[in-house]
Protein backbone atom coordinates (compact mmCIF):
# COMPACT_ATOMS: atom_id res chain seq x y z
CA MET A 1 68.59 57.12 141.47
CA ILE A 2 66.85 56.10 138.29
CA ASP A 3 64.78 52.97 138.32
CA HIS A 4 65.21 51.14 135.03
CA HIS A 5 61.56 50.12 134.99
CA SER A 6 59.84 52.83 132.96
CA THR A 7 56.69 52.79 135.09
CA GLN A 8 58.71 54.02 138.06
CA GLY A 9 61.03 56.36 136.19
CA ALA A 10 59.17 59.58 136.97
CA ALA A 11 59.02 58.85 140.67
CA ALA A 12 62.70 57.94 140.72
CA MET A 13 63.61 61.14 138.89
CA SER A 14 61.69 63.10 141.50
CA LEU A 15 63.64 61.34 144.24
CA GLN A 16 66.85 62.12 142.43
CA SER A 17 65.92 65.79 142.29
CA ARG A 18 65.05 65.90 145.98
CA SER A 19 68.10 64.04 147.21
CA SER A 20 70.82 65.22 144.85
CA ARG A 21 74.06 65.72 146.68
CA ARG A 22 74.47 69.00 144.86
CA GLN A 23 71.40 70.25 146.66
CA ILE A 24 72.80 69.41 150.07
CA LEU A 25 76.41 70.38 149.47
CA THR A 26 77.36 74.06 149.28
CA VAL A 27 80.72 75.37 148.21
CA ALA A 28 81.04 77.56 151.26
CA ALA A 29 80.29 74.89 153.86
CA ALA A 30 82.58 72.28 152.39
CA SER A 31 85.41 74.70 151.72
CA VAL A 32 85.31 76.08 155.25
CA PHE A 33 85.35 72.63 156.79
CA VAL A 34 88.21 71.40 154.61
CA ALA A 35 90.28 74.53 154.98
CA SER A 36 89.90 74.68 158.75
CA ALA A 37 90.83 71.02 159.12
CA ILE A 38 93.98 71.50 157.07
CA ARG A 39 94.98 74.58 159.05
CA ALA A 40 94.46 72.70 162.31
CA ALA A 41 96.56 69.78 161.11
CA GLN A 42 99.36 72.06 159.95
CA ALA A 43 99.27 73.96 163.22
CA VAL A 44 100.31 70.84 165.09
CA GLY A 45 102.77 69.76 162.42
CA ASN A 46 100.53 66.86 161.48
CA ALA A 47 99.21 67.69 158.01
CA LEU A 48 100.51 64.47 156.51
CA PRO A 49 102.34 62.27 159.03
CA VAL A 50 104.30 59.31 157.77
CA ASP A 51 102.45 56.05 157.23
CA ASP A 52 102.24 54.22 160.55
CA ASP A 53 99.90 51.28 160.79
CA THR A 54 99.89 51.36 164.58
CA GLU A 55 98.98 55.03 164.86
CA HIS A 56 96.65 55.05 161.83
CA PRO A 57 95.07 51.59 161.62
CA TRP A 58 91.67 52.46 160.13
CA ILE A 59 90.56 52.43 156.50
CA ASP A 60 88.06 54.81 154.94
CA ALA A 61 86.40 52.65 152.29
CA HIS A 62 84.95 55.50 150.23
CA SER A 63 86.09 59.03 149.42
CA HIS A 64 86.29 61.16 146.31
CA ILE A 65 89.14 63.52 145.52
CA TRP A 66 89.77 66.06 142.77
CA THR A 67 92.15 68.83 141.82
CA THR A 68 91.99 72.31 140.35
CA ASP A 69 94.63 71.35 137.77
CA LEU A 70 92.23 71.15 134.84
CA THR A 71 95.04 71.40 132.33
CA LYS A 72 96.37 68.01 133.34
CA TYR A 73 93.05 66.55 134.51
CA PRO A 74 90.23 68.16 132.47
CA LEU A 75 86.65 67.75 133.58
CA ARG A 76 84.13 65.71 131.65
CA ASP A 77 82.36 67.43 128.74
CA HIS A 78 84.53 70.56 129.04
CA GLN A 79 82.99 71.59 132.36
CA LEU A 80 84.47 74.63 134.07
CA ILE A 81 86.09 74.73 137.47
CA GLY A 82 82.97 76.21 139.05
CA VAL A 83 81.28 72.80 139.15
CA LEU A 84 83.78 71.57 141.73
CA GLU A 85 82.23 71.69 145.19
CA PRO A 86 84.42 72.20 147.16
CA ARG A 87 86.78 73.84 144.69
CA SER A 88 89.69 71.61 145.74
CA PHE A 89 89.75 68.28 147.56
CA THR A 90 93.08 66.60 146.92
CA ASP A 91 94.50 63.52 148.58
CA GLU A 92 96.56 65.78 150.86
CA GLU A 93 93.41 67.64 151.95
CA LEU A 94 91.62 64.34 152.51
CA MET A 95 94.41 62.88 154.62
CA ALA A 96 94.62 66.05 156.72
CA LEU A 97 91.08 65.22 157.82
CA ALA A 98 91.55 61.45 158.04
CA MET A 99 94.82 61.04 159.91
CA PRO A 100 93.75 62.87 163.08
CA GLN A 101 91.00 60.23 163.28
CA ARG A 102 93.65 57.48 162.95
CA VAL A 103 92.68 56.71 159.36
CA GLY A 104 95.77 55.79 157.38
CA ARG A 105 94.37 54.28 154.19
CA VAL A 106 91.53 55.22 151.86
CA VAL A 107 89.65 53.70 148.93
CA LEU A 108 89.35 56.45 146.31
CA ILE A 109 86.17 56.46 144.22
CA GLN A 110 86.14 57.66 140.62
CA HIS A 111 83.60 60.49 140.32
CA TYR A 112 81.78 60.20 137.00
CA PRO A 113 80.12 63.67 137.11
CA HIS A 114 83.56 65.30 137.14
CA HIS A 115 85.88 63.00 135.21
CA GLY A 116 83.69 60.40 133.54
CA TYR A 117 85.74 57.33 132.63
CA ASP A 118 89.08 59.12 132.88
CA ASN A 119 90.62 57.59 135.99
CA SER A 120 94.02 59.20 135.52
CA TYR A 121 93.95 61.52 138.55
CA LEU A 122 93.19 58.68 140.95
CA ILE A 123 95.73 56.40 139.30
CA ASP A 124 98.43 59.08 139.50
CA THR A 125 97.56 59.55 143.18
CA TRP A 126 97.88 55.81 143.76
CA LYS A 127 101.28 55.81 142.06
CA LYS A 128 102.46 58.40 144.60
CA HIS A 129 101.15 56.40 147.57
CA PRO A 130 100.54 52.78 146.51
CA ASN A 131 100.28 51.52 150.08
CA ARG A 132 97.91 54.24 151.21
CA PHE A 133 95.29 54.08 148.46
CA ARG A 134 93.21 51.73 146.36
CA ILE A 135 90.81 52.79 143.61
CA VAL A 136 87.25 52.02 142.62
CA GLY A 137 87.35 53.11 139.00
CA GLN A 138 84.81 53.56 136.26
CA ILE A 139 84.89 51.95 132.84
CA ASP A 140 82.73 52.19 129.73
CA GLN A 141 81.31 48.70 129.43
CA SER A 142 80.06 49.43 125.92
CA GLN A 143 83.61 49.52 124.60
CA PRO A 144 85.29 46.36 123.25
CA HIS A 145 87.67 44.22 125.32
CA VAL A 146 86.38 45.47 128.64
CA ASP A 147 87.89 42.41 130.32
CA GLN A 148 91.37 43.35 129.13
CA LYS A 149 90.88 46.89 130.35
CA MET A 150 89.87 45.63 133.79
CA ARG A 151 93.01 43.49 134.05
CA GLU A 152 95.21 46.37 132.94
CA MET A 153 93.65 48.70 135.52
CA LEU A 154 94.16 46.11 138.27
CA LYS A 155 97.90 46.73 137.91
CA THR A 156 97.34 50.41 138.69
CA GLY A 157 95.55 50.03 142.01
CA VAL A 158 92.00 49.62 140.66
CA THR A 159 90.48 46.85 142.77
CA GLY A 160 86.84 47.70 142.13
CA PHE A 161 84.52 49.31 139.60
CA ARG A 162 81.61 51.61 140.32
CA ILE A 163 78.40 50.73 138.51
CA GLY A 164 74.80 51.84 138.88
CA PRO A 165 71.91 53.60 137.19
CA ARG A 166 72.43 57.14 135.93
CA ALA A 167 70.16 59.59 134.17
CA ASP A 168 71.97 58.84 130.91
CA GLN A 169 72.16 55.11 131.62
CA PRO A 170 69.01 53.90 133.40
CA ASP A 171 69.41 50.33 132.08
CA TRP A 172 72.63 49.97 134.04
CA LEU A 173 72.82 46.17 133.89
CA ALA A 174 72.09 45.85 130.18
CA GLY A 175 74.54 44.69 127.54
CA ASP A 176 77.19 42.06 126.97
CA GLY A 177 79.88 44.36 128.32
CA MET A 178 78.28 44.39 131.77
CA LYS A 179 78.05 40.60 131.74
CA LEU A 180 81.72 40.39 130.83
CA MET A 181 82.61 42.74 133.66
CA TRP A 182 80.88 40.54 136.23
CA LYS A 183 82.46 37.42 134.75
CA THR A 184 85.94 38.96 134.73
CA ALA A 185 85.59 40.31 138.27
CA ALA A 186 85.09 36.76 139.53
CA GLU A 187 88.58 36.02 138.25
CA THR A 188 90.35 39.28 139.20
CA ARG A 189 88.60 39.84 142.59
CA GLN A 190 87.74 43.39 141.56
CA SER A 191 84.49 44.27 143.30
CA MET A 192 81.40 45.43 141.46
CA CYS A 193 80.57 48.48 143.58
CA CYS A 194 76.91 49.32 143.16
CA LEU A 195 75.66 52.87 143.70
CA ILE A 196 71.97 51.99 143.80
CA ASN A 197 68.63 52.88 145.33
CA PRO A 198 66.30 50.62 147.29
CA SER A 199 64.37 49.93 144.07
CA ASN A 200 67.52 48.36 142.59
CA ILE A 201 68.30 45.93 145.41
CA LYS A 202 66.35 42.99 144.04
CA GLU A 203 67.86 43.18 140.56
CA THR A 204 71.28 43.40 142.18
CA ALA A 205 70.44 40.23 144.08
CA ASP A 206 69.54 38.52 140.81
CA TRP A 207 72.98 39.32 139.42
CA CYS A 208 74.64 38.13 142.61
CA ALA A 209 72.85 34.83 142.09
CA GLU A 210 73.85 34.68 138.42
CA TYR A 211 77.50 35.44 139.23
CA PRO A 212 78.06 33.89 142.68
CA ASP A 213 81.86 34.16 142.50
CA THR A 214 81.87 37.89 141.76
CA PRO A 215 82.55 40.17 144.75
CA VAL A 216 79.87 42.84 145.14
CA VAL A 217 79.85 45.94 147.34
CA VAL A 218 76.69 47.99 147.86
CA ASP A 219 77.46 51.64 148.52
CA HIS A 220 75.81 53.77 151.22
CA PHE A 221 73.21 51.25 152.49
CA ALA A 222 71.75 51.28 148.94
CA ARG A 223 70.61 54.80 149.90
CA VAL A 224 67.97 53.46 152.26
CA GLY A 225 66.63 56.51 154.10
CA VAL A 226 67.77 59.09 151.55
CA ASP A 227 64.33 60.72 151.65
CA GLY A 228 64.43 60.86 155.46
CA THR A 229 62.43 57.67 156.05
CA ILE A 230 64.09 54.33 156.77
CA ARG A 231 61.55 51.76 155.59
CA ASP A 232 61.51 48.28 157.04
CA GLU A 233 60.93 46.69 153.63
CA ASP A 234 64.00 48.40 152.19
CA VAL A 235 66.18 47.36 155.11
CA GLN A 236 64.93 43.78 154.83
CA ASN A 237 65.64 43.65 151.10
CA LEU A 238 69.16 44.87 151.79
CA CYS A 239 69.60 42.29 154.55
CA ASP A 240 68.43 39.59 152.15
CA LEU A 241 71.52 40.23 150.03
CA ALA A 242 73.48 38.53 152.80
CA LYS A 243 72.51 35.14 151.38
CA HIS A 244 75.02 35.84 148.61
CA LYS A 245 78.40 34.97 150.10
CA LEU A 246 80.43 37.68 148.35
CA ALA A 247 78.00 40.57 148.86
CA ARG A 248 79.19 43.33 151.18
CA VAL A 249 77.75 46.71 152.25
CA LYS A 250 79.33 50.07 153.00
CA ILE A 251 77.79 51.65 156.08
CA SER A 252 78.44 55.20 154.96
CA ALA A 253 77.12 58.59 153.79
CA TYR A 254 75.44 59.46 157.08
CA TYR A 255 75.02 63.08 156.01
CA ALA A 256 72.50 61.93 153.38
CA LEU A 257 70.39 59.38 155.24
CA GLY A 258 67.69 59.50 157.90
CA LYS A 259 67.90 62.68 159.96
CA LYS A 260 71.15 63.58 158.14
CA GLN A 261 72.89 65.06 161.15
CA PRO A 262 75.21 63.93 163.97
CA PRO A 263 75.34 61.88 166.07
CA TYR A 264 73.39 59.67 163.57
CA HIS A 265 71.86 57.50 166.27
CA ASP A 266 68.75 57.10 164.14
CA LEU A 267 70.86 54.95 161.78
CA VAL A 268 71.98 52.53 164.50
CA PRO A 269 68.93 50.20 164.25
CA MET A 270 69.57 49.77 160.51
CA ILE A 271 73.26 49.12 161.11
CA LYS A 272 72.38 46.55 163.76
CA ARG A 273 70.07 44.67 161.40
CA LEU A 274 72.76 44.63 158.74
CA PHE A 275 75.28 43.49 161.32
CA GLU A 276 73.02 40.59 162.28
CA ALA A 277 72.52 39.65 158.62
CA PHE A 278 76.02 40.12 157.19
CA GLY A 279 78.26 40.01 160.24
CA PRO A 280 81.25 42.32 160.68
CA ASP A 281 83.29 40.55 157.99
CA ARG A 282 81.04 41.94 155.25
CA LEU A 283 80.35 45.47 156.46
CA MET A 284 82.75 48.40 156.20
CA TRP A 285 82.71 52.00 157.37
CA ALA A 286 83.29 54.83 154.89
CA SER A 287 82.99 58.60 155.02
CA ASP A 288 81.91 59.56 151.47
CA CYS A 289 84.00 62.71 151.63
CA PRO A 290 83.92 65.50 150.71
CA TYR A 291 80.13 65.23 150.77
CA GLN A 292 80.26 64.28 154.46
CA LEU A 293 81.61 67.77 155.15
CA THR A 294 78.32 69.66 155.02
CA GLU A 295 77.57 71.51 158.25
CA PRO A 296 76.83 70.20 160.86
CA ASN A 297 78.35 66.96 159.51
CA THR A 298 82.08 66.28 159.88
CA TYR A 299 84.59 63.57 159.16
CA ALA A 300 85.08 63.04 162.88
CA ALA A 301 81.34 62.59 163.45
CA SER A 302 81.17 59.94 160.74
CA ILE A 303 83.85 57.64 162.13
CA ALA A 304 82.70 58.29 165.69
CA LEU A 305 79.41 56.53 165.04
CA VAL A 306 81.17 53.22 164.35
CA ARG A 307 84.14 53.75 166.63
CA ASP A 308 82.16 54.88 169.68
CA GLY A 309 78.43 54.56 169.03
CA LEU A 310 77.63 50.88 168.41
CA ASN A 311 77.12 49.15 171.75
CA PHE A 312 76.36 45.76 170.18
CA VAL A 313 79.81 45.15 168.68
CA SER A 314 82.96 43.80 170.28
CA ALA A 315 86.40 45.35 169.94
CA GLU A 316 87.28 42.79 167.28
CA ASP A 317 84.01 43.44 165.44
CA ARG A 318 84.78 47.15 165.47
CA ARG A 319 88.21 46.49 164.00
CA LYS A 320 86.59 44.59 161.15
CA LEU A 321 84.12 47.40 160.46
CA LEU A 322 86.86 50.04 160.50
CA ARG A 323 89.61 48.09 158.81
CA THR A 324 89.63 44.37 158.09
CA THR A 325 86.65 44.14 155.73
CA ALA A 326 87.86 47.01 153.56
CA GLU A 327 91.38 45.65 153.69
CA SER A 328 90.42 42.20 152.42
CA THR A 329 88.01 43.64 149.85
CA PHE A 330 90.23 46.29 148.28
CA PHE A 331 93.81 46.15 149.59
CA PHE A 332 94.94 42.86 148.11
CA ASP A 333 98.08 42.94 145.96
CA ALA A 334 96.90 44.85 142.92
CA LYS A 335 100.02 44.11 140.90
CA LYS A 336 99.43 40.39 140.53
């Protein structure tokens, strides 16, 4: 949430402070929701059913996971376990929430605040369930041979890379390493997954134009509406990205946008405009768990908006939003 133009930096920092997920996520709320969902799944003998594409056809295109095993997977900068909110959110806990909603596959997102550029927990999870998961990893573009690293990670389920401005990296698109990432991604099909704000949409569009063969995914509507107001100019700028043939958008993180509570009907007009601009082949639903689990928000409420709440889409369109777009974007054969 940091604009790389210095004249807007203070305002962006203020927005970051107001909208930080750590302000809207409490340990208690998330832990209660996760724990109760797991207990309910276990009660019906359905904590982790076997993979079944017919019974669990949908794909969640965006969730984080982490573990309390800090010996094997230490946190970035020697952080202590208390920073984890909720304390535990493993792949098993995620799937206990997802599978009752007929979600059978998930794109796991590397979480820089917790693990930085160490993608080992997600990669180990992918190794356990290579058909169930794909990974959007993180990589230090300032290091040499970033292109080789990208190709190596492709073989371990990493079919995208998260990029975007951070407090310690406001000039997120600067440097030869970033250019090499975009160039390499055009060859590997690994998506550049942009966690950006509305102020970053136009510079993202410039890079889409510079690298037209690079697949790009914009996370969470580019956070349009994160301050509670969905501005027409922001929505239009996001829609304008549709002119770039390989640009896609995740319609996700409902807990953080607009009114920030179910049933999220205030987000439907924005989704409809994006649908008209991009079509269903370039939009994908995602939960953004565990952050979606803040009361009164739930996993079920998130998928319900797309599954049940969009009266302008056909059954085939809905299948694309809930499955096909994410499948073609992330679930290609990562071993080739």
